[in-house]
Amino acid sequence: MSNPTTPFSWQMPTSTDLVTDLPADFAVFGQAVATSMADLLGGTTGQVLSKTSNTDMDFTWIANDQGDITGITAGTGISVTSPTGPVPTVAIDTAVTVDKTTAQTLTNKTLTAPLINLSFNAQTGTTYTLVAADSGKLVTSSNAASIVITVPPSTFAAGEQINVQSIGVGLTSFAQGAGVTITSTGATASAPILRARYSACTIICTASNTFTIIGDLS
């Protein structure tokens, strides 16, 4: 018995082999099959076959951890009861400290002694148009001449607020951008003026392109 051979290198009897050779030929064939399949033997319940090397038919049995979560590490706001898979157990800590460096939205939360720091935007020209980044800031206006601050359209959403203080000699007034409506207690409701130097006010967006200005106005 010589050729042909299979992809697994199993020698097979040929059509020209003598009948008297067949038992021995099949013994060689059977031994070759047993040798190449040896790695498929064994294993226990739940184990899976894994390639041991790049060699053909080279396998080993391993624990079935493929696709399972093998470990979870607790972090801020998360505690771990059972860290391993396939279904780990975690719990959310609702009493965590808020990360003040990351923008977050808090809904229905009680803040105990919160730290709130204003950011500032100092303006020294005679005209200025508010921008989205002014939301929540204190915009200061300082010039010897009068100053006009324009509230633009399509920039702020309902609930956003901008604080303004006049710190220069020139008085600061407000103007409506195109399509914007301003209401106030000023002599001209749609164009109020900060009453004096160091007067301040808050511009509140009450609806899309609608604002009310409250403060020390004239």
N, C-alpha and C. Protein backbone atom coordinates (compact mmCIF):
# COMPACT_ATOMS: atom_id res chain seq x y z
N MET A 1 0.86 -1.19 0.00
CA MET A 1 0.00 0.00 0.00
C MET A 1 0.89 1.24 0.00
N SER A 2 0.75 2.05 -1.02
CA SER A 2 1.56 3.28 -1.06
C SER A 2 0.63 4.48 -1.21
N ASN A 3 0.44 4.98 -2.42
CA ASN A 3 -0.46 6.10 -2.69
C ASN A 3 -1.80 5.57 -3.16
N PRO A 4 -2.83 6.35 -3.27
CA PRO A 4 -2.82 7.79 -2.95
C PRO A 4 -2.94 8.05 -1.44
N THR A 5 -2.73 9.33 -1.03
CA THR A 5 -2.94 9.73 0.37
C THR A 5 -4.05 10.76 0.41
N THR A 6 -4.71 10.88 1.55
CA THR A 6 -5.79 11.84 1.74
C THR A 6 -5.22 13.16 2.23
N PRO A 7 -6.03 14.23 2.31
CA PRO A 7 -5.54 15.49 2.89
C PRO A 7 -5.04 15.32 4.32
N PHE A 8 -5.46 14.23 5.00
CA PHE A 8 -5.01 13.97 6.37
C PHE A 8 -3.82 13.01 6.40
N SER A 9 -3.24 12.68 5.23
CA SER A 9 -2.10 11.76 5.11
C SER A 9 -2.45 10.34 5.54
N TRP A 10 -3.68 9.96 5.29
CA TRP A 10 -4.07 8.58 5.57
C TRP A 10 -3.77 7.73 4.32
N GLN A 11 -2.95 6.73 4.47
CA GLN A 11 -2.68 5.82 3.35
C GLN A 11 -3.88 4.92 3.13
N MET A 12 -4.28 4.79 1.88
CA MET A 12 -5.46 4.01 1.53
C MET A 12 -5.05 2.81 0.66
N PRO A 13 -5.75 1.69 0.79
CA PRO A 13 -5.50 0.56 -0.13
C PRO A 13 -5.79 0.99 -1.57
N THR A 14 -5.03 0.46 -2.48
CA THR A 14 -5.26 0.76 -3.89
C THR A 14 -5.96 -0.40 -4.56
N SER A 15 -6.45 -0.16 -5.77
CA SER A 15 -7.17 -1.21 -6.50
C SER A 15 -6.29 -2.39 -6.89
N THR A 16 -4.98 -2.18 -6.84
CA THR A 16 -4.07 -3.26 -7.24
C THR A 16 -3.55 -4.05 -6.05
N ASP A 17 -3.93 -3.65 -4.82
CA ASP A 17 -3.46 -4.40 -3.66
C ASP A 17 -4.04 -5.81 -3.65
N LEU A 18 -3.24 -6.76 -3.24
CA LEU A 18 -3.70 -8.13 -3.14
C LEU A 18 -4.69 -8.28 -2.00
N VAL A 19 -5.60 -9.24 -2.19
CA VAL A 19 -6.60 -9.50 -1.16
C VAL A 19 -5.92 -9.86 0.14
N THR A 20 -4.82 -10.59 0.05
CA THR A 20 -4.14 -11.02 1.27
C THR A 20 -3.48 -9.86 2.00
N ASP A 21 -3.29 -8.72 1.31
CA ASP A 21 -2.68 -7.55 1.94
C ASP A 21 -3.71 -6.64 2.62
N LEU A 22 -4.99 -6.82 2.28
CA LEU A 22 -6.01 -5.87 2.75
C LEU A 22 -6.10 -5.77 4.26
N PRO A 23 -6.08 -6.85 5.01
CA PRO A 23 -6.16 -6.70 6.48
C PRO A 23 -5.04 -5.82 7.02
N ALA A 24 -3.83 -6.03 6.53
CA ALA A 24 -2.70 -5.22 7.00
C ALA A 24 -2.83 -3.78 6.51
N ASP A 25 -3.29 -3.64 5.28
CA ASP A 25 -3.46 -2.27 4.75
C ASP A 25 -4.49 -1.49 5.55
N PHE A 26 -5.60 -2.14 5.88
CA PHE A 26 -6.64 -1.45 6.65
C PHE A 26 -6.18 -1.18 8.08
N ALA A 27 -5.29 -2.04 8.60
CA ALA A 27 -4.74 -1.78 9.93
C ALA A 27 -3.89 -0.51 9.91
N VAL A 28 -3.08 -0.34 8.86
CA VAL A 28 -2.27 0.88 8.71
C VAL A 28 -3.17 2.10 8.57
N PHE A 29 -4.20 1.92 7.73
CA PHE A 29 -5.15 3.02 7.52
C PHE A 29 -5.85 3.40 8.83
N GLY A 30 -6.32 2.39 9.55
CA GLY A 30 -7.02 2.67 10.80
C GLY A 30 -6.12 3.34 11.83
N GLN A 31 -4.86 2.92 11.89
CA GLN A 31 -3.94 3.51 12.83
C GLN A 31 -3.67 4.97 12.48
N ALA A 32 -3.57 5.27 11.19
CA ALA A 32 -3.36 6.65 10.76
C ALA A 32 -4.54 7.54 11.15
N VAL A 33 -5.77 7.00 10.96
CA VAL A 33 -6.97 7.76 11.35
C VAL A 33 -6.98 7.99 12.85
N ALA A 34 -6.67 6.96 13.62
CA ALA A 34 -6.67 7.08 15.08
C ALA A 34 -5.64 8.09 15.56
N THR A 35 -4.47 8.08 14.90
CA THR A 35 -3.41 9.02 15.31
C THR A 35 -3.81 10.47 15.04
N SER A 36 -4.36 10.73 13.86
CA SER A 36 -4.72 12.11 13.50
C SER A 36 -5.92 12.61 14.28
N MET A 37 -6.78 11.69 14.75
CA MET A 37 -7.98 12.08 15.48
C MET A 37 -7.77 12.06 16.99
N ALA A 38 -6.56 11.76 17.43
CA ALA A 38 -6.32 11.56 18.86
C ALA A 38 -6.69 12.79 19.69
N ASP A 39 -6.42 13.98 19.14
CA ASP A 39 -6.71 15.20 19.91
C ASP A 39 -8.20 15.45 20.09
N LEU A 40 -9.03 14.77 19.32
CA LEU A 40 -10.48 14.96 19.45
C LEU A 40 -11.04 14.13 20.59
N LEU A 41 -10.23 13.23 21.14
CA LEU A 41 -10.68 12.42 22.27
C LEU A 41 -10.62 13.23 23.55
N GLY A 42 -11.31 12.77 24.56
CA GLY A 42 -11.24 13.40 25.88
C GLY A 42 -12.15 14.60 25.99
N GLY A 43 -11.77 15.52 26.89
CA GLY A 43 -12.63 16.66 27.16
C GLY A 43 -13.70 16.30 28.17
N THR A 44 -14.29 17.31 28.77
CA THR A 44 -15.38 17.10 29.73
C THR A 44 -16.58 17.93 29.32
N THR A 45 -17.68 17.71 30.00
CA THR A 45 -18.92 18.41 29.67
C THR A 45 -18.73 19.93 29.71
N GLY A 46 -19.15 20.57 28.66
CA GLY A 46 -19.07 22.03 28.59
C GLY A 46 -17.81 22.57 27.97
N GLN A 47 -16.77 21.71 27.78
CA GLN A 47 -15.55 22.19 27.15
C GLN A 47 -15.73 22.31 25.64
N VAL A 48 -14.85 23.09 25.01
CA VAL A 48 -14.88 23.26 23.56
C VAL A 48 -13.48 23.03 23.01
N LEU A 49 -13.42 22.67 21.71
CA LEU A 49 -12.14 22.47 21.06
C LEU A 49 -11.50 23.80 20.69
N SER A 50 -10.18 23.88 20.90
CA SER A 50 -9.44 25.08 20.55
C SER A 50 -8.17 24.67 19.82
N LYS A 51 -7.79 25.44 18.78
CA LYS A 51 -6.57 25.15 18.06
C LYS A 51 -5.36 25.37 18.96
N THR A 52 -4.46 24.35 19.01
CA THR A 52 -3.25 24.45 19.80
C THR A 52 -2.12 25.11 19.00
N SER A 53 -2.08 24.83 17.70
CA SER A 53 -1.06 25.42 16.83
C SER A 53 -1.64 25.49 15.42
N ASN A 54 -0.82 25.92 14.47
CA ASN A 54 -1.28 25.99 13.07
C ASN A 54 -1.21 24.64 12.37
N THR A 55 -0.76 23.63 13.08
CA THR A 55 -0.66 22.30 12.50
C THR A 55 -2.05 21.71 12.31
N ASP A 56 -2.25 21.06 11.15
CA ASP A 56 -3.56 20.43 10.89
C ASP A 56 -3.91 19.44 12.00
N MET A 57 -5.19 19.45 12.38
CA MET A 57 -5.74 18.51 13.34
C MET A 57 -5.07 18.60 14.72
N ASP A 58 -4.50 19.78 15.06
CA ASP A 58 -3.86 19.95 16.37
C ASP A 58 -4.80 20.75 17.25
N PHE A 59 -5.53 20.07 18.13
CA PHE A 59 -6.54 20.69 18.97
C PHE A 59 -6.29 20.37 20.44
N THR A 60 -6.95 21.14 21.29
CA THR A 60 -6.98 20.82 22.72
C THR A 60 -8.33 21.22 23.26
N TRP A 61 -8.69 20.63 24.38
CA TRP A 61 -9.98 20.95 25.01
C TRP A 61 -9.77 22.05 26.04
N ILE A 62 -10.64 23.08 26.02
CA ILE A 62 -10.56 24.17 27.00
C ILE A 62 -11.93 24.45 27.56
N ALA A 63 -11.96 25.19 28.67
CA ALA A 63 -13.24 25.60 29.26
C ALA A 63 -13.96 26.52 28.30
N ASN A 64 -15.25 26.45 28.29
CA ASN A 64 -16.05 27.25 27.36
C ASN A 64 -16.18 28.68 27.86
N ASP A 65 -15.11 29.47 27.64
CA ASP A 65 -15.17 30.88 28.03
C ASP A 65 -15.24 31.79 26.81
N GLN A 66 -15.42 31.21 25.64
CA GLN A 66 -15.45 32.03 24.43
C GLN A 66 -16.73 32.86 24.38
N GLY A 67 -16.57 34.18 24.33
CA GLY A 67 -17.72 35.07 24.25
C GLY A 67 -18.26 35.49 25.60
N ASP A 68 -17.77 34.85 26.68
CA ASP A 68 -18.24 35.22 28.01
C ASP A 68 -17.47 36.43 28.51
N ILE A 69 -18.08 37.18 29.43
CA ILE A 69 -17.38 38.26 30.11
C ILE A 69 -16.56 37.63 31.22
N THR A 70 -15.25 37.83 31.19
CA THR A 70 -14.38 37.17 32.15
C THR A 70 -14.10 38.00 33.39
N GLY A 71 -14.46 39.28 33.36
CA GLY A 71 -14.22 40.08 34.55
C GLY A 71 -14.71 41.50 34.39
N ILE A 72 -15.24 42.09 35.47
CA ILE A 72 -15.70 43.48 35.48
C ILE A 72 -15.06 44.17 36.68
N THR A 73 -14.56 45.37 36.46
CA THR A 73 -13.95 46.15 37.54
C THR A 73 -14.90 47.26 37.95
N ALA A 74 -15.10 47.41 39.24
CA ALA A 74 -15.98 48.46 39.74
C ALA A 74 -15.38 49.82 39.43
N GLY A 75 -16.24 50.80 39.27
CA GLY A 75 -15.79 52.16 39.00
C GLY A 75 -16.74 53.15 39.67
N THR A 76 -16.57 54.42 39.35
CA THR A 76 -17.41 55.45 39.95
C THR A 76 -18.88 55.20 39.62
N GLY A 77 -19.67 54.99 40.64
CA GLY A 77 -21.11 54.78 40.45
C GLY A 77 -21.49 53.35 40.16
N ILE A 78 -20.52 52.42 40.04
CA ILE A 78 -20.82 51.02 39.74
C ILE A 78 -20.10 50.12 40.74
N SER A 79 -20.87 49.29 41.42
CA SER A 79 -20.27 48.28 42.28
C SER A 79 -20.54 46.91 41.66
N VAL A 80 -19.64 45.96 41.90
CA VAL A 80 -19.72 44.64 41.28
C VAL A 80 -19.99 43.58 42.35
N THR A 81 -21.07 42.81 42.14
CA THR A 81 -21.40 41.72 43.04
C THR A 81 -20.78 40.42 42.57
N SER A 82 -20.93 40.14 41.27
CA SER A 82 -20.33 38.95 40.66
C SER A 82 -19.62 39.40 39.39
N PRO A 83 -18.29 39.36 39.36
CA PRO A 83 -17.55 39.98 38.26
C PRO A 83 -17.41 39.15 37.00
N THR A 84 -17.73 37.85 37.03
CA THR A 84 -17.47 37.02 35.87
C THR A 84 -18.74 36.64 35.13
N GLY A 85 -18.56 36.23 33.87
CA GLY A 85 -19.67 35.87 33.01
C GLY A 85 -20.19 34.49 33.28
N PRO A 86 -21.15 34.03 32.48
CA PRO A 86 -21.65 34.77 31.32
C PRO A 86 -22.56 35.95 31.65
N VAL A 87 -23.12 36.00 32.86
CA VAL A 87 -23.98 37.12 33.23
C VAL A 87 -23.47 37.71 34.54
N PRO A 88 -22.58 38.71 34.48
CA PRO A 88 -22.08 39.32 35.72
C PRO A 88 -23.16 40.13 36.39
N THR A 89 -22.97 40.39 37.68
CA THR A 89 -23.95 41.16 38.44
C THR A 89 -23.32 42.46 38.91
N VAL A 90 -23.94 43.59 38.55
CA VAL A 90 -23.44 44.89 38.96
C VAL A 90 -24.58 45.69 39.56
N ALA A 91 -24.22 46.72 40.31
CA ALA A 91 -25.22 47.60 40.91
C ALA A 91 -24.80 49.04 40.66
N ILE A 92 -25.78 49.90 40.45
CA ILE A 92 -25.53 51.33 40.23
C ILE A 92 -25.65 52.07 41.55
N ASP A 93 -24.63 52.83 41.88
CA ASP A 93 -24.64 53.62 43.11
C ASP A 93 -25.24 54.99 42.78
N THR A 94 -26.41 55.25 43.34
CA THR A 94 -27.10 56.52 43.03
C THR A 94 -26.58 57.68 43.86
N ALA A 95 -25.66 57.41 44.78
CA ALA A 95 -25.16 58.48 45.64
C ALA A 95 -23.72 58.85 45.29
N VAL A 96 -23.41 58.81 44.00
CA VAL A 96 -22.05 59.13 43.58
C VAL A 96 -21.85 60.63 43.52
N THR A 97 -20.58 61.04 43.57
CA THR A 97 -20.23 62.44 43.43
C THR A 97 -20.16 62.78 41.94
N VAL A 98 -20.81 63.85 41.55
CA VAL A 98 -20.85 64.24 40.15
C VAL A 98 -19.47 64.71 39.70
N ASP A 99 -19.05 64.26 38.54
CA ASP A 99 -17.81 64.71 37.94
C ASP A 99 -18.02 66.11 37.40
N LYS A 100 -17.42 67.10 38.03
CA LYS A 100 -17.68 68.49 37.65
C LYS A 100 -16.98 68.90 36.37
N THR A 101 -16.09 68.05 35.86
CA THR A 101 -15.36 68.42 34.65
C THR A 101 -16.05 67.93 33.38
N THR A 102 -17.12 67.16 33.52
CA THR A 102 -17.82 66.62 32.36
C THR A 102 -19.25 67.16 32.31
N ALA A 103 -19.68 67.62 31.14
CA ALA A 103 -21.04 68.14 30.99
C ALA A 103 -22.04 67.02 31.24
N GLN A 104 -22.96 67.25 32.13
CA GLN A 104 -23.97 66.27 32.48
C GLN A 104 -25.31 66.96 32.67
N THR A 105 -26.38 66.21 32.44
CA THR A 105 -27.73 66.71 32.67
C THR A 105 -28.29 66.01 33.90
N LEU A 106 -28.64 66.78 34.91
CA LEU A 106 -29.21 66.22 36.13
C LEU A 106 -30.69 66.54 36.18
N THR A 107 -31.51 65.53 36.33
CA THR A 107 -32.95 65.71 36.37
C THR A 107 -33.49 65.21 37.70
N ASN A 108 -34.28 66.06 38.37
CA ASN A 108 -34.90 65.70 39.65
C ASN A 108 -33.87 65.23 40.68
N LYS A 109 -32.75 65.97 40.76
CA LYS A 109 -31.71 65.63 41.72
C LYS A 109 -31.65 66.71 42.80
N THR A 110 -31.34 66.30 44.01
CA THR A 110 -31.15 67.25 45.10
C THR A 110 -29.67 67.57 45.23
N LEU A 111 -29.31 68.83 45.07
CA LEU A 111 -27.93 69.25 45.17
C LEU A 111 -27.71 69.91 46.52
N THR A 112 -26.83 69.34 47.32
CA THR A 112 -26.54 69.87 48.64
C THR A 112 -25.29 70.75 48.57
N ALA A 113 -25.45 72.02 48.90
CA ALA A 113 -24.34 72.98 48.86
C ALA A 113 -23.56 72.88 47.55
N PRO A 114 -24.24 73.07 46.40
CA PRO A 114 -23.54 72.96 45.12
C PRO A 114 -22.57 74.13 44.92
N LEU A 115 -21.50 73.87 44.20
CA LEU A 115 -20.52 74.89 43.87
C LEU A 115 -20.81 75.38 42.46
N ILE A 116 -21.21 76.63 42.34
CA ILE A 116 -21.56 77.19 41.04
C ILE A 116 -20.68 78.40 40.76
N ASN A 117 -19.82 78.29 39.78
CA ASN A 117 -18.94 79.39 39.42
C ASN A 117 -19.32 79.96 38.06
N LEU A 118 -19.46 81.28 37.99
CA LEU A 118 -19.77 81.94 36.74
C LEU A 118 -18.53 82.06 35.87
N SER A 119 -18.75 81.94 34.57
CA SER A 119 -17.71 82.29 33.61
C SER A 119 -18.01 83.70 33.10
N PHE A 120 -16.98 84.39 32.63
CA PHE A 120 -17.14 85.79 32.24
C PHE A 120 -16.80 86.01 30.77
N ASN A 121 -17.46 86.99 30.19
CA ASN A 121 -17.16 87.42 28.83
C ASN A 121 -17.14 88.94 28.84
N ALA A 122 -15.95 89.51 28.83
CA ALA A 122 -15.81 90.97 28.92
C ALA A 122 -15.84 91.57 27.52
N GLN A 123 -16.74 92.55 27.33
CA GLN A 123 -16.87 93.25 26.06
C GLN A 123 -16.57 94.74 26.26
N THR A 124 -15.73 95.27 25.39
CA THR A 124 -15.33 96.68 25.53
C THR A 124 -15.73 97.54 24.34
N GLY A 125 -16.38 96.93 23.37
CA GLY A 125 -16.81 97.71 22.20
C GLY A 125 -18.13 98.40 22.45
N THR A 126 -18.63 99.07 21.42
CA THR A 126 -19.91 99.78 21.55
C THR A 126 -21.08 98.91 21.05
N THR A 127 -20.78 97.79 20.42
CA THR A 127 -21.83 96.86 20.01
C THR A 127 -21.36 95.43 20.28
N TYR A 128 -22.32 94.57 20.59
CA TYR A 128 -22.00 93.16 20.79
C TYR A 128 -23.26 92.34 20.55
N THR A 129 -23.12 91.22 19.84
CA THR A 129 -24.22 90.29 19.63
C THR A 129 -23.95 89.03 20.44
N LEU A 130 -24.88 88.68 21.27
CA LEU A 130 -24.71 87.50 22.12
C LEU A 130 -24.50 86.25 21.26
N VAL A 131 -23.72 85.29 21.81
CA VAL A 131 -23.48 84.02 21.14
C VAL A 131 -23.89 82.87 22.07
N ALA A 132 -23.99 81.68 21.52
CA ALA A 132 -24.46 80.53 22.29
C ALA A 132 -23.59 80.29 23.52
N ALA A 133 -22.28 80.55 23.39
CA ALA A 133 -21.37 80.31 24.51
C ALA A 133 -21.60 81.26 25.68
N ASP A 134 -22.42 82.31 25.50
CA ASP A 134 -22.71 83.24 26.58
C ASP A 134 -23.75 82.69 27.56
N SER A 135 -24.39 81.59 27.19
CA SER A 135 -25.41 81.01 28.06
C SER A 135 -24.79 80.66 29.41
N GLY A 136 -25.39 81.17 30.49
CA GLY A 136 -24.91 80.90 31.84
C GLY A 136 -23.76 81.77 32.28
N LYS A 137 -23.28 82.65 31.41
CA LYS A 137 -22.14 83.49 31.75
C LYS A 137 -22.60 84.88 32.23
N LEU A 138 -21.62 85.64 32.73
CA LEU A 138 -21.83 87.05 33.00
C LEU A 138 -21.08 87.82 31.93
N VAL A 139 -21.85 88.53 31.08
CA VAL A 139 -21.27 89.37 30.03
C VAL A 139 -21.15 90.77 30.61
N THR A 140 -19.93 91.29 30.63
CA THR A 140 -19.74 92.66 31.12
C THR A 140 -19.50 93.59 29.93
N SER A 141 -20.06 94.79 30.03
CA SER A 141 -19.90 95.78 28.97
C SER A 141 -19.22 97.01 29.55
N SER A 142 -18.18 97.46 28.85
CA SER A 142 -17.42 98.60 29.36
C SER A 142 -16.94 99.47 28.21
N ASN A 143 -17.47 100.71 28.18
CA ASN A 143 -17.04 101.67 27.17
C ASN A 143 -17.46 103.05 27.63
N ALA A 144 -16.73 104.04 27.18
CA ALA A 144 -17.09 105.41 27.57
C ALA A 144 -18.36 105.86 26.87
N ALA A 145 -18.64 105.27 25.70
CA ALA A 145 -19.85 105.61 24.96
C ALA A 145 -20.95 104.60 25.26
N SER A 146 -22.13 104.84 24.77
CA SER A 146 -23.24 103.91 24.97
C SER A 146 -22.97 102.60 24.24
N ILE A 147 -23.55 101.54 24.76
CA ILE A 147 -23.29 100.19 24.24
C ILE A 147 -24.63 99.53 23.92
N VAL A 148 -24.68 98.83 22.77
CA VAL A 148 -25.89 98.11 22.38
C VAL A 148 -25.56 96.62 22.30
N ILE A 149 -26.31 95.82 23.06
CA ILE A 149 -26.16 94.36 23.02
C ILE A 149 -27.38 93.79 22.30
N THR A 150 -27.13 93.04 21.24
CA THR A 150 -28.21 92.47 20.44
C THR A 150 -28.45 91.02 20.85
N VAL A 151 -29.72 90.66 21.01
CA VAL A 151 -30.11 89.28 21.30
C VAL A 151 -30.48 88.64 19.96
N PRO A 152 -29.70 87.67 19.48
CA PRO A 152 -29.90 87.12 18.14
C PRO A 152 -30.95 86.01 18.11
N PRO A 153 -31.47 85.70 16.92
CA PRO A 153 -32.44 84.62 16.77
C PRO A 153 -31.74 83.26 16.66
N SER A 154 -32.49 82.20 16.93
CA SER A 154 -32.05 80.82 16.70
C SER A 154 -30.71 80.50 17.35
N THR A 155 -30.50 81.05 18.55
CA THR A 155 -29.23 80.84 19.25
C THR A 155 -29.43 80.19 20.62
N PHE A 156 -30.51 80.57 21.28
CA PHE A 156 -30.75 80.07 22.64
C PHE A 156 -32.07 79.28 22.70
N ALA A 157 -32.11 78.31 23.63
CA ALA A 157 -33.32 77.51 23.82
C ALA A 157 -34.01 77.94 25.10
N ALA A 158 -35.29 77.61 25.20
CA ALA A 158 -36.07 77.99 26.37
C ALA A 158 -35.39 77.50 27.65
N GLY A 159 -35.27 78.42 28.61
CA GLY A 159 -34.64 78.08 29.88
C GLY A 159 -33.22 78.59 30.02
N GLU A 160 -32.58 78.91 28.90
CA GLU A 160 -31.21 79.42 28.98
C GLU A 160 -31.22 80.87 29.49
N GLN A 161 -30.15 81.22 30.21
CA GLN A 161 -30.06 82.55 30.79
C GLN A 161 -28.69 83.16 30.53
N ILE A 162 -28.67 84.46 30.33
CA ILE A 162 -27.42 85.20 30.17
C ILE A 162 -27.47 86.40 31.11
N ASN A 163 -26.44 86.57 31.92
CA ASN A 163 -26.37 87.72 32.82
C ASN A 163 -25.53 88.81 32.16
N VAL A 164 -25.95 90.07 32.37
CA VAL A 164 -25.22 91.20 31.79
C VAL A 164 -25.05 92.27 32.86
N GLN A 165 -23.83 92.83 32.94
CA GLN A 165 -23.59 93.96 33.84
C GLN A 165 -22.84 95.04 33.10
N SER A 166 -23.29 96.29 33.29
CA SER A 166 -22.62 97.43 32.68
C SER A 166 -21.60 97.95 33.69
N ILE A 167 -20.30 97.86 33.35
CA ILE A 167 -19.27 98.30 34.29
C ILE A 167 -18.53 99.54 33.78
N GLY A 168 -18.93 100.00 32.59
CA GLY A 168 -18.31 101.21 32.05
C GLY A 168 -19.20 102.43 32.26
N VAL A 169 -18.72 103.57 31.81
CA VAL A 169 -19.48 104.81 31.95
C VAL A 169 -20.67 104.83 31.00
N GLY A 170 -20.48 104.34 29.78
CA GLY A 170 -21.57 104.34 28.81
C GLY A 170 -22.67 103.36 29.20
N LEU A 171 -23.91 103.79 29.05
CA LEU A 171 -25.03 102.94 29.41
C LEU A 171 -25.22 101.83 28.38
N THR A 172 -25.71 100.68 28.84
CA THR A 172 -25.90 99.52 27.98
C THR A 172 -27.38 99.32 27.69
N SER A 173 -27.71 99.21 26.42
CA SER A 173 -29.10 98.95 26.03
C SER A 173 -29.15 97.65 25.25
N PHE A 174 -30.37 97.13 25.06
CA PHE A 174 -30.56 95.84 24.38
C PHE A 174 -31.40 96.02 23.14
N ALA A 175 -31.10 95.23 22.11
CA ALA A 175 -31.84 95.31 20.85
C ALA A 175 -32.27 93.92 20.43
N GLN A 176 -33.41 93.86 19.73
CA GLN A 176 -33.93 92.60 19.23
C GLN A 176 -33.28 92.25 17.91
N GLY A 177 -32.76 91.00 17.77
CA GLY A 177 -32.31 90.54 16.49
C GLY A 177 -33.51 90.26 15.60
N ALA A 178 -33.28 89.95 14.33
CA ALA A 178 -34.39 89.68 13.40
C ALA A 178 -35.23 88.51 13.91
N GLY A 179 -36.53 88.76 14.08
CA GLY A 179 -37.43 87.70 14.51
C GLY A 179 -37.45 87.47 16.01
N VAL A 180 -36.70 88.28 16.77
CA VAL A 180 -36.63 88.12 18.23
C VAL A 180 -37.62 89.06 18.91
N THR A 181 -38.23 88.57 19.99
CA THR A 181 -39.14 89.39 20.79
C THR A 181 -38.57 89.52 22.20
N ILE A 182 -38.42 90.78 22.66
CA ILE A 182 -37.93 91.05 24.01
C ILE A 182 -39.04 91.74 24.80
N THR A 183 -39.26 91.27 26.02
CA THR A 183 -40.18 91.96 26.94
C THR A 183 -39.40 92.34 28.19
N SER A 184 -39.79 93.47 28.81
CA SER A 184 -39.10 93.93 30.01
C SER A 184 -39.94 95.02 30.67
N THR A 185 -39.44 95.53 31.80
CA THR A 185 -40.10 96.65 32.47
C THR A 185 -39.46 97.98 32.08
N GLY A 186 -38.58 97.94 31.07
CA GLY A 186 -37.94 99.17 30.64
C GLY A 186 -38.94 100.14 30.03
N ALA A 187 -38.52 101.40 29.92
CA ALA A 187 -39.40 102.41 29.33
C ALA A 187 -39.81 101.99 27.94
N THR A 188 -38.91 101.41 27.18
CA THR A 188 -39.23 100.76 25.92
C THR A 188 -39.06 99.26 26.17
N ALA A 189 -40.17 98.56 26.25
CA ALA A 189 -40.14 97.17 26.69
C ALA A 189 -39.23 96.30 25.84
N SER A 190 -39.19 96.58 24.55
CA SER A 190 -38.40 95.75 23.64
C SER A 190 -36.95 96.20 23.54
N ALA A 191 -36.60 97.31 24.15
CA ALA A 191 -35.23 97.83 24.10
C ALA A 191 -34.86 98.47 25.43
N PRO A 192 -34.82 97.66 26.50
CA PRO A 192 -34.51 98.22 27.83
C PRO A 192 -33.07 98.68 27.93
N ILE A 193 -32.80 99.52 28.93
CA ILE A 193 -31.46 100.05 29.16
C ILE A 193 -31.07 99.77 30.60
N LEU A 194 -29.83 99.33 30.82
CA LEU A 194 -29.36 99.20 32.19
C LEU A 194 -29.28 100.60 32.80
N ARG A 195 -29.87 100.76 33.98
CA ARG A 195 -30.14 102.09 34.55
C ARG A 195 -28.89 102.92 34.79
N ALA A 196 -27.83 102.30 35.28
CA ALA A 196 -26.65 103.08 35.63
C ALA A 196 -25.42 102.19 35.57
N ARG A 197 -24.29 102.80 35.78
CA ARG A 197 -23.06 102.02 35.84
C ARG A 197 -23.16 101.00 36.98
N TYR A 198 -22.75 99.78 36.71
CA TYR A 198 -22.80 98.63 37.62
C TYR A 198 -24.19 98.03 37.76
N SER A 199 -25.17 98.57 37.01
CA SER A 199 -26.47 97.91 36.97
C SER A 199 -26.31 96.57 36.25
N ALA A 200 -27.19 95.63 36.59
CA ALA A 200 -27.09 94.30 35.98
C ALA A 200 -28.49 93.76 35.70
N CYS A 201 -28.55 92.75 34.82
CA CYS A 201 -29.83 92.14 34.49
C CYS A 201 -29.60 90.69 34.05
N THR A 202 -30.68 89.97 33.91
CA THR A 202 -30.63 88.60 33.40
C THR A 202 -31.56 88.50 32.21
N ILE A 203 -31.03 87.96 31.11
CA ILE A 203 -31.83 87.73 29.90
C ILE A 203 -32.26 86.27 29.93
N ILE A 204 -33.56 86.03 29.94
CA ILE A 204 -34.08 84.67 30.03
C ILE A 204 -34.81 84.32 28.74
N CYS A 205 -34.41 83.22 28.13
CA CYS A 205 -35.12 82.74 26.94
C CYS A 205 -36.34 81.96 27.42
N THR A 206 -37.53 82.45 27.11
CA THR A 206 -38.76 81.82 27.59
C THR A 206 -39.40 80.91 26.54
N ALA A 207 -39.02 81.10 25.31
CA ALA A 207 -39.50 80.27 24.21
C ALA A 207 -38.59 80.55 23.02
N SER A 208 -38.80 79.84 21.93
CA SER A 208 -37.96 80.05 20.76
C SER A 208 -38.00 81.51 20.32
N ASN A 209 -36.82 82.17 20.34
CA ASN A 209 -36.67 83.57 19.92
C ASN A 209 -37.49 84.55 20.76
N THR A 210 -37.86 84.13 21.96
CA THR A 210 -38.63 85.01 22.86
C THR A 210 -37.86 85.15 24.19
N PHE A 211 -37.67 86.39 24.61
CA PHE A 211 -36.85 86.65 25.79
C PHE A 211 -37.53 87.66 26.71
N THR A 212 -37.25 87.51 28.00
CA THR A 212 -37.64 88.54 28.94
C THR A 212 -36.36 88.97 29.68
N ILE A 213 -36.26 90.27 29.93
CA ILE A 213 -35.08 90.80 30.59
C ILE A 213 -35.51 91.37 31.93
N ILE A 214 -34.92 90.88 33.00
CA ILE A 214 -35.26 91.35 34.34
C ILE A 214 -34.01 91.90 35.01
N GLY A 215 -34.17 92.98 35.79
CA GLY A 215 -33.02 93.55 36.48
C GLY A 215 -33.18 95.04 36.71
N ASP A 216 -32.05 95.71 36.86
CA ASP A 216 -32.03 97.16 37.15
C ASP A 216 -32.11 97.90 35.83
N LEU A 217 -33.34 98.06 35.33
CA LEU A 217 -33.57 98.62 33.99
C LEU A 217 -34.22 99.99 34.05
N SER A 218 -34.09 100.68 32.94
CA SER A 218 -34.81 101.96 32.81
C SER A 218 -35.37 102.04 31.40
